[in-house]
Amino acid sequence: MTSLSMCLCQSGKKYIVCCEPFISGKSYPESVESLMRSRYVAYNIGEFDYIRLTCADDALVLFDINDDRQKLNGVRLDVLSVIQNQLDGEVVFKAYYEKQGRIFYIHEHSFFKKIDSKWVYVSGKLLSWLES
């Protein structure tokens, strides 16, 4: 992804000013929505270190993130709702992706916590999905 490209998170911003500063470690998301969007982008570009870095320790044992088999070929992200307070947050989204010429989606309710002044992914509840 080039720095002049529009960000895959579909914020309407260029990647260099949207998710790139988070994924590169230059800054850290200040909201659960920004964290979720940047994690979506990281899955699409294969930045699994960022995915691990933004998981709570308990969440890391839920799934193994270590290779391109988990890389998404995302086509669209719909953020359906966001709830955030000082220490907890939730995002409901649908992530659409292409696989073998077909479009599929994951509909998830994700949960986040603020730990050491940084938002981290804690868990997710799969609401629905369409996959072959």
N, C-alpha and C. Protein backbone atom coordinates (compact mmCIF):
# COMPACT_ATOMS: atom_id res chain seq x y z
N MET A 1 0.85 -1.17 0.00
CA MET A 1 0.00 0.00 0.00
C MET A 1 0.90 1.23 0.00
N THR A 2 0.63 2.15 -0.90
CA THR A 2 1.44 3.36 -0.95
C THR A 2 0.88 4.41 0.00
N SER A 3 1.73 5.32 0.40
CA SER A 3 1.32 6.36 1.34
C SER A 3 0.28 7.30 0.72
N LEU A 4 0.20 7.36 -0.60
CA LEU A 4 -0.77 8.23 -1.27
C LEU A 4 -2.11 7.55 -1.49
N SER A 5 -2.18 6.25 -1.25
CA SER A 5 -3.43 5.51 -1.42
C SER A 5 -4.43 5.89 -0.35
N MET A 6 -5.70 5.75 -0.70
CA MET A 6 -6.75 5.92 0.30
C MET A 6 -6.65 4.75 1.26
N CYS A 7 -6.93 5.00 2.52
CA CYS A 7 -6.79 3.97 3.54
C CYS A 7 -7.84 2.88 3.34
N LEU A 8 -7.41 1.65 3.53
CA LEU A 8 -8.31 0.49 3.40
C LEU A 8 -9.42 0.47 4.44
N CYS A 9 -9.27 1.23 5.51
CA CYS A 9 -10.30 1.24 6.56
C CYS A 9 -11.52 2.04 6.15
N GLN A 10 -11.43 2.69 5.01
CA GLN A 10 -12.52 3.46 4.42
C GLN A 10 -12.95 4.66 5.25
N SER A 11 -11.98 5.28 5.88
CA SER A 11 -12.24 6.51 6.62
C SER A 11 -12.39 7.70 5.69
N GLY A 12 -11.94 7.54 4.44
CA GLY A 12 -11.93 8.65 3.51
C GLY A 12 -10.62 9.43 3.54
N LYS A 13 -9.69 8.99 4.38
CA LYS A 13 -8.39 9.65 4.50
C LYS A 13 -7.32 8.84 3.78
N LYS A 14 -6.22 9.49 3.46
CA LYS A 14 -5.08 8.78 2.88
C LYS A 14 -4.43 7.92 3.97
N TYR A 15 -3.89 6.78 3.56
CA TYR A 15 -3.26 5.83 4.48
C TYR A 15 -2.20 6.49 5.36
N ILE A 16 -1.39 7.37 4.78
CA ILE A 16 -0.27 7.99 5.50
C ILE A 16 -0.73 8.83 6.70
N VAL A 17 -1.94 9.36 6.66
CA VAL A 17 -2.44 10.17 7.78
C VAL A 17 -3.52 9.44 8.58
N CYS A 18 -3.88 8.25 8.16
CA CYS A 18 -4.94 7.51 8.83
C CYS A 18 -4.35 6.38 9.68
N CYS A 19 -4.19 5.21 9.10
CA CYS A 19 -3.75 4.04 9.86
C CYS A 19 -2.24 3.80 9.87
N GLU A 20 -1.52 4.35 8.91
CA GLU A 20 -0.08 4.12 8.83
C GLU A 20 0.66 4.55 10.09
N PRO A 21 0.35 5.71 10.69
CA PRO A 21 1.07 6.09 11.92
C PRO A 21 0.88 5.08 13.06
N PHE A 22 -0.26 4.44 13.11
CA PHE A 22 -0.51 3.44 14.16
C PHE A 22 0.25 2.16 13.85
N ILE A 23 0.12 1.67 12.63
CA ILE A 23 0.72 0.40 12.24
C ILE A 23 2.25 0.49 12.27
N SER A 24 2.80 1.66 11.94
CA SER A 24 4.26 1.82 11.94
C SER A 24 4.81 2.10 13.34
N GLY A 25 3.94 2.35 14.32
CA GLY A 25 4.38 2.61 15.68
C GLY A 25 4.69 4.07 15.98
N LYS A 26 4.39 4.97 15.05
CA LYS A 26 4.65 6.40 15.27
C LYS A 26 3.68 6.99 16.28
N SER A 27 2.48 6.46 16.34
CA SER A 27 1.49 6.91 17.32
C SER A 27 0.57 5.74 17.65
N TYR A 28 -0.37 5.99 18.56
CA TYR A 28 -1.26 4.92 18.99
C TYR A 28 -2.70 5.42 18.93
N PRO A 29 -3.64 4.59 18.49
CA PRO A 29 -5.04 5.03 18.37
C PRO A 29 -5.60 5.54 19.69
N GLU A 30 -6.32 6.66 19.61
CA GLU A 30 -6.92 7.24 20.79
C GLU A 30 -8.37 6.83 20.98
N SER A 31 -8.91 6.07 20.04
CA SER A 31 -10.29 5.59 20.17
C SER A 31 -10.37 4.12 19.77
N VAL A 32 -11.41 3.45 20.27
CA VAL A 32 -11.58 2.04 19.91
C VAL A 32 -11.90 1.89 18.43
N GLU A 33 -12.61 2.87 17.86
CA GLU A 33 -12.90 2.79 16.42
C GLU A 33 -11.62 2.89 15.61
N SER A 34 -10.73 3.80 15.96
CA SER A 34 -9.45 3.92 15.24
C SER A 34 -8.62 2.66 15.39
N LEU A 35 -8.63 2.07 16.58
CA LEU A 35 -7.90 0.83 16.78
C LEU A 35 -8.48 -0.28 15.92
N MET A 36 -9.80 -0.43 15.93
CA MET A 36 -10.42 -1.48 15.14
C MET A 36 -10.15 -1.29 13.65
N ARG A 37 -10.26 -0.05 13.18
CA ARG A 37 -10.00 0.22 11.75
C ARG A 37 -8.54 -0.10 11.39
N SER A 38 -7.61 0.28 12.25
CA SER A 38 -6.20 0.02 11.95
C SER A 38 -5.89 -1.48 12.01
N ARG A 39 -6.56 -2.21 12.88
CA ARG A 39 -6.38 -3.67 12.92
C ARG A 39 -6.91 -4.31 11.64
N TYR A 40 -8.02 -3.81 11.13
CA TYR A 40 -8.57 -4.30 9.86
C TYR A 40 -7.53 -4.09 8.74
N VAL A 41 -6.95 -2.90 8.69
CA VAL A 41 -5.93 -2.62 7.68
C VAL A 41 -4.73 -3.55 7.86
N ALA A 42 -4.30 -3.73 9.10
CA ALA A 42 -3.15 -4.61 9.37
C ALA A 42 -3.40 -6.03 8.89
N TYR A 43 -4.61 -6.54 9.09
CA TYR A 43 -4.94 -7.87 8.57
C TYR A 43 -4.83 -7.90 7.05
N ASN A 44 -5.19 -6.82 6.40
CA ASN A 44 -5.15 -6.76 4.94
C ASN A 44 -3.75 -6.65 4.37
N ILE A 45 -2.85 -6.01 5.09
CA ILE A 45 -1.49 -5.84 4.55
C ILE A 45 -0.48 -6.78 5.20
N GLY A 46 -0.97 -7.67 6.06
CA GLY A 46 -0.09 -8.68 6.65
C GLY A 46 0.80 -8.18 7.77
N GLU A 47 0.39 -7.13 8.47
CA GLU A 47 1.17 -6.59 9.59
C GLU A 47 0.74 -7.26 10.90
N PHE A 48 1.09 -8.53 11.04
CA PHE A 48 0.62 -9.31 12.18
C PHE A 48 1.29 -8.93 13.49
N ASP A 49 2.47 -8.31 13.43
CA ASP A 49 3.08 -7.80 14.66
C ASP A 49 2.17 -6.74 15.29
N TYR A 50 1.58 -5.90 14.45
CA TYR A 50 0.66 -4.88 14.96
C TYR A 50 -0.59 -5.52 15.58
N ILE A 51 -1.08 -6.56 14.96
CA ILE A 51 -2.24 -7.27 15.51
C ILE A 51 -1.90 -7.80 16.90
N ARG A 52 -0.74 -8.44 17.03
CA ARG A 52 -0.32 -8.97 18.33
C ARG A 52 -0.11 -7.85 19.34
N LEU A 53 0.51 -6.76 18.92
CA LEU A 53 0.79 -5.63 19.80
C LEU A 53 -0.49 -5.00 20.36
N THR A 54 -1.57 -5.06 19.60
CA THR A 54 -2.82 -4.41 20.00
C THR A 54 -3.82 -5.37 20.62
N CYS A 55 -3.36 -6.53 21.02
CA CYS A 55 -4.19 -7.51 21.73
C CYS A 55 -3.84 -7.51 23.21
N ALA A 56 -4.85 -7.64 24.05
CA ALA A 56 -4.60 -7.90 25.47
C ALA A 56 -3.96 -9.27 25.57
N ASP A 57 -3.17 -9.51 26.60
CA ASP A 57 -2.49 -10.80 26.75
C ASP A 57 -3.46 -11.97 26.68
N ASP A 58 -4.61 -11.85 27.31
CA ASP A 58 -5.60 -12.93 27.29
C ASP A 58 -6.11 -13.20 25.88
N ALA A 59 -6.20 -12.16 25.06
CA ALA A 59 -6.71 -12.32 23.70
C ALA A 59 -5.72 -13.04 22.80
N LEU A 60 -4.45 -12.93 23.09
CA LEU A 60 -3.44 -13.59 22.25
C LEU A 60 -3.58 -15.09 22.24
N VAL A 61 -4.05 -15.68 23.33
CA VAL A 61 -4.19 -17.13 23.38
C VAL A 61 -5.43 -17.62 22.65
N LEU A 62 -6.32 -16.69 22.26
CA LEU A 62 -7.55 -17.09 21.58
C LEU A 62 -7.31 -17.51 20.14
N PHE A 63 -6.29 -16.95 19.53
CA PHE A 63 -6.02 -17.30 18.14
C PHE A 63 -4.55 -17.12 17.85
N ASP A 64 -4.09 -17.86 16.85
CA ASP A 64 -2.70 -17.85 16.45
C ASP A 64 -2.54 -16.92 15.26
N ILE A 65 -1.81 -15.83 15.43
CA ILE A 65 -1.62 -14.85 14.37
C ILE A 65 -0.15 -14.91 13.96
N ASN A 66 0.12 -15.60 12.87
CA ASN A 66 1.54 -15.68 12.54
C ASN A 66 1.88 -15.85 11.07
N ASP A 67 0.91 -15.86 10.19
CA ASP A 67 1.30 -16.02 8.79
C ASP A 67 0.27 -15.45 7.83
N ASP A 68 0.65 -15.45 6.55
CA ASP A 68 -0.19 -14.86 5.52
C ASP A 68 -1.49 -15.63 5.25
N ARG A 69 -1.64 -16.80 5.83
CA ARG A 69 -2.92 -17.51 5.63
C ARG A 69 -4.06 -16.74 6.27
N GLN A 70 -3.77 -15.87 7.22
CA GLN A 70 -4.81 -15.08 7.87
C GLN A 70 -4.94 -13.70 7.24
N LYS A 71 -4.14 -13.41 6.25
CA LYS A 71 -4.21 -12.12 5.57
C LYS A 71 -5.54 -12.02 4.82
N LEU A 72 -6.22 -10.91 4.99
CA LEU A 72 -7.49 -10.68 4.31
C LEU A 72 -7.27 -9.98 2.99
N ASN A 73 -8.18 -10.20 2.09
CA ASN A 73 -8.24 -9.43 0.86
C ASN A 73 -9.51 -8.58 0.97
N GLY A 74 -9.45 -7.62 1.88
CA GLY A 74 -10.64 -6.84 2.23
C GLY A 74 -11.13 -5.98 1.09
N VAL A 75 -12.45 -5.88 1.00
CA VAL A 75 -13.07 -5.04 -0.02
C VAL A 75 -13.92 -3.93 0.58
N ARG A 76 -14.33 -4.10 1.82
CA ARG A 76 -15.16 -3.06 2.45
C ARG A 76 -15.23 -3.30 3.95
N LEU A 77 -15.30 -2.19 4.68
CA LEU A 77 -15.48 -2.25 6.13
C LEU A 77 -16.65 -1.35 6.48
N ASP A 78 -17.64 -1.90 7.16
CA ASP A 78 -18.78 -1.12 7.65
C ASP A 78 -18.74 -1.11 9.17
N VAL A 79 -18.53 0.06 9.76
CA VAL A 79 -18.60 0.22 11.21
C VAL A 79 -20.06 0.52 11.53
N LEU A 80 -20.69 -0.38 12.27
CA LEU A 80 -22.13 -0.28 12.53
C LEU A 80 -22.45 0.44 13.82
N SER A 81 -21.62 0.28 14.84
CA SER A 81 -21.82 1.02 16.09
C SER A 81 -20.53 1.05 16.89
N VAL A 82 -20.42 2.12 17.69
CA VAL A 82 -19.24 2.31 18.55
C VAL A 82 -19.74 2.82 19.89
N ILE A 83 -19.27 2.18 20.96
CA ILE A 83 -19.54 2.63 22.32
C ILE A 83 -18.18 2.71 23.00
N GLN A 84 -17.91 3.85 23.63
CA GLN A 84 -16.63 4.00 24.30
C GLN A 84 -16.80 4.87 25.53
N ASN A 85 -16.18 4.44 26.64
CA ASN A 85 -16.07 5.29 27.82
C ASN A 85 -14.59 5.41 28.16
N GLN A 86 -14.26 5.75 29.37
CA GLN A 86 -12.85 5.97 29.73
C GLN A 86 -11.99 4.72 29.68
N LEU A 87 -12.56 3.55 30.03
CA LEU A 87 -11.75 2.33 30.16
C LEU A 87 -12.19 1.16 29.29
N ASP A 88 -13.39 1.23 28.72
CA ASP A 88 -13.92 0.12 27.92
C ASP A 88 -14.50 0.65 26.62
N GLY A 89 -14.54 -0.22 25.64
CA GLY A 89 -15.15 0.16 24.37
C GLY A 89 -15.64 -1.05 23.61
N GLU A 90 -16.55 -0.79 22.69
CA GLU A 90 -17.12 -1.84 21.85
C GLU A 90 -17.30 -1.30 20.44
N VAL A 91 -17.08 -2.17 19.46
CA VAL A 91 -17.33 -1.81 18.07
C VAL A 91 -18.03 -3.00 17.41
N VAL A 92 -19.12 -2.71 16.72
CA VAL A 92 -19.79 -3.71 15.91
C VAL A 92 -19.50 -3.36 14.46
N PHE A 93 -19.04 -4.33 13.70
CA PHE A 93 -18.66 -4.06 12.31
C PHE A 93 -18.93 -5.27 11.43
N LYS A 94 -18.93 -5.01 10.12
CA LYS A 94 -18.92 -6.06 9.10
C LYS A 94 -17.72 -5.81 8.22
N ALA A 95 -16.87 -6.81 8.10
CA ALA A 95 -15.70 -6.74 7.24
C ALA A 95 -15.92 -7.67 6.06
N TYR A 96 -15.96 -7.10 4.87
CA TYR A 96 -16.17 -7.87 3.65
C TYR A 96 -14.82 -8.14 3.01
N TYR A 97 -14.64 -9.33 2.48
CA TYR A 97 -13.38 -9.69 1.84
C TYR A 97 -13.63 -10.61 0.66
N GLU A 98 -12.65 -10.66 -0.22
CA GLU A 98 -12.74 -11.49 -1.42
C GLU A 98 -11.89 -12.74 -1.23
N LYS A 99 -12.45 -13.86 -1.62
CA LYS A 99 -11.73 -15.13 -1.53
C LYS A 99 -12.16 -15.97 -2.73
N GLN A 100 -11.20 -16.34 -3.56
CA GLN A 100 -11.45 -17.16 -4.73
C GLN A 100 -12.58 -16.58 -5.60
N GLY A 101 -12.54 -15.26 -5.78
CA GLY A 101 -13.49 -14.60 -6.66
C GLY A 101 -14.87 -14.36 -6.08
N ARG A 102 -15.07 -14.69 -4.81
CA ARG A 102 -16.37 -14.49 -4.17
C ARG A 102 -16.21 -13.54 -2.99
N ILE A 103 -17.29 -12.83 -2.66
CA ILE A 103 -17.29 -11.89 -1.55
C ILE A 103 -17.91 -12.56 -0.32
N PHE A 104 -17.22 -12.45 0.80
CA PHE A 104 -17.68 -13.01 2.07
C PHE A 104 -17.65 -11.89 3.11
N TYR A 105 -18.16 -12.16 4.30
CA TYR A 105 -18.08 -11.16 5.36
C TYR A 105 -17.98 -11.80 6.72
N ILE A 106 -17.48 -11.01 7.66
CA ILE A 106 -17.45 -11.34 9.08
C ILE A 106 -18.19 -10.22 9.79
N HIS A 107 -19.16 -10.55 10.59
CA HIS A 107 -19.94 -9.57 11.37
C HIS A 107 -19.59 -9.83 12.83
N GLU A 108 -18.91 -8.88 13.46
CA GLU A 108 -18.38 -9.11 14.81
C GLU A 108 -18.71 -7.96 15.75
N HIS A 109 -18.86 -8.32 17.01
CA HIS A 109 -18.98 -7.36 18.11
C HIS A 109 -17.67 -7.48 18.89
N SER A 110 -16.81 -6.48 18.75
CA SER A 110 -15.48 -6.51 19.38
C SER A 110 -15.47 -5.71 20.67
N PHE A 111 -14.68 -6.18 21.63
CA PHE A 111 -14.57 -5.56 22.93
C PHE A 111 -13.12 -5.11 23.17
N PHE A 112 -12.97 -3.93 23.74
CA PHE A 112 -11.66 -3.32 23.97
C PHE A 112 -11.56 -2.80 25.39
N LYS A 113 -10.33 -2.72 25.90
CA LYS A 113 -10.05 -2.13 27.21
C LYS A 113 -8.85 -1.21 27.08
N LYS A 114 -8.80 -0.24 27.95
CA LYS A 114 -7.64 0.63 28.02
C LYS A 114 -6.73 0.09 29.10
N ILE A 115 -5.52 -0.29 28.70
CA ILE A 115 -4.52 -0.83 29.61
C ILE A 115 -3.25 -0.01 29.43
N ASP A 116 -2.72 0.53 30.53
CA ASP A 116 -1.53 1.38 30.47
C ASP A 116 -1.70 2.51 29.44
N SER A 117 -2.86 3.13 29.46
CA SER A 117 -3.19 4.29 28.60
C SER A 117 -3.32 3.95 27.11
N LYS A 118 -3.39 2.66 26.78
CA LYS A 118 -3.53 2.26 25.37
C LYS A 118 -4.73 1.32 25.22
N TRP A 119 -5.48 1.53 24.14
CA TRP A 119 -6.58 0.63 23.83
C TRP A 119 -6.04 -0.68 23.28
N VAL A 120 -6.62 -1.80 23.73
CA VAL A 120 -6.26 -3.12 23.21
C VAL A 120 -7.53 -3.93 22.96
N TYR A 121 -7.44 -4.82 22.00
CA TYR A 121 -8.52 -5.75 21.70
C TYR A 121 -8.56 -6.81 22.78
N VAL A 122 -9.74 -7.07 23.35
CA VAL A 122 -9.88 -8.06 24.41
C VAL A 122 -10.54 -9.33 23.89
N SER A 123 -11.64 -9.17 23.17
CA SER A 123 -12.34 -10.34 22.63
C SER A 123 -13.34 -9.88 21.59
N GLY A 124 -13.90 -10.86 20.91
CA GLY A 124 -14.92 -10.57 19.92
C GLY A 124 -15.98 -11.64 19.91
N LYS A 125 -17.18 -11.23 19.65
CA LYS A 125 -18.29 -12.18 19.52
C LYS A 125 -18.71 -12.18 18.06
N LEU A 126 -18.57 -13.32 17.42
CA LEU A 126 -18.96 -13.46 16.02
C LEU A 126 -20.49 -13.47 15.96
N LEU A 127 -21.06 -12.50 15.28
CA LEU A 127 -22.51 -12.39 15.18
C LEU A 127 -23.06 -13.15 14.00
N SER A 128 -22.35 -13.08 12.89
CA SER A 128 -22.71 -13.86 11.70
C SER A 128 -21.54 -13.83 10.74
N TRP A 129 -21.57 -14.68 9.76
CA TRP A 129 -20.52 -14.71 8.76
C TRP A 129 -21.06 -15.43 7.54
N LEU A 130 -20.42 -15.16 6.45
CA LEU A 130 -20.72 -15.85 5.19
C LEU A 130 -19.39 -16.23 4.60
N GLU A 131 -19.13 -17.53 4.54
CA GLU A 131 -17.87 -18.03 4.00
C GLU A 131 -18.11 -19.39 3.37
N SER A 132 -17.27 -19.71 2.40
CA SER A 132 -17.43 -20.99 1.72
C SER A 132 -16.97 -22.15 2.57
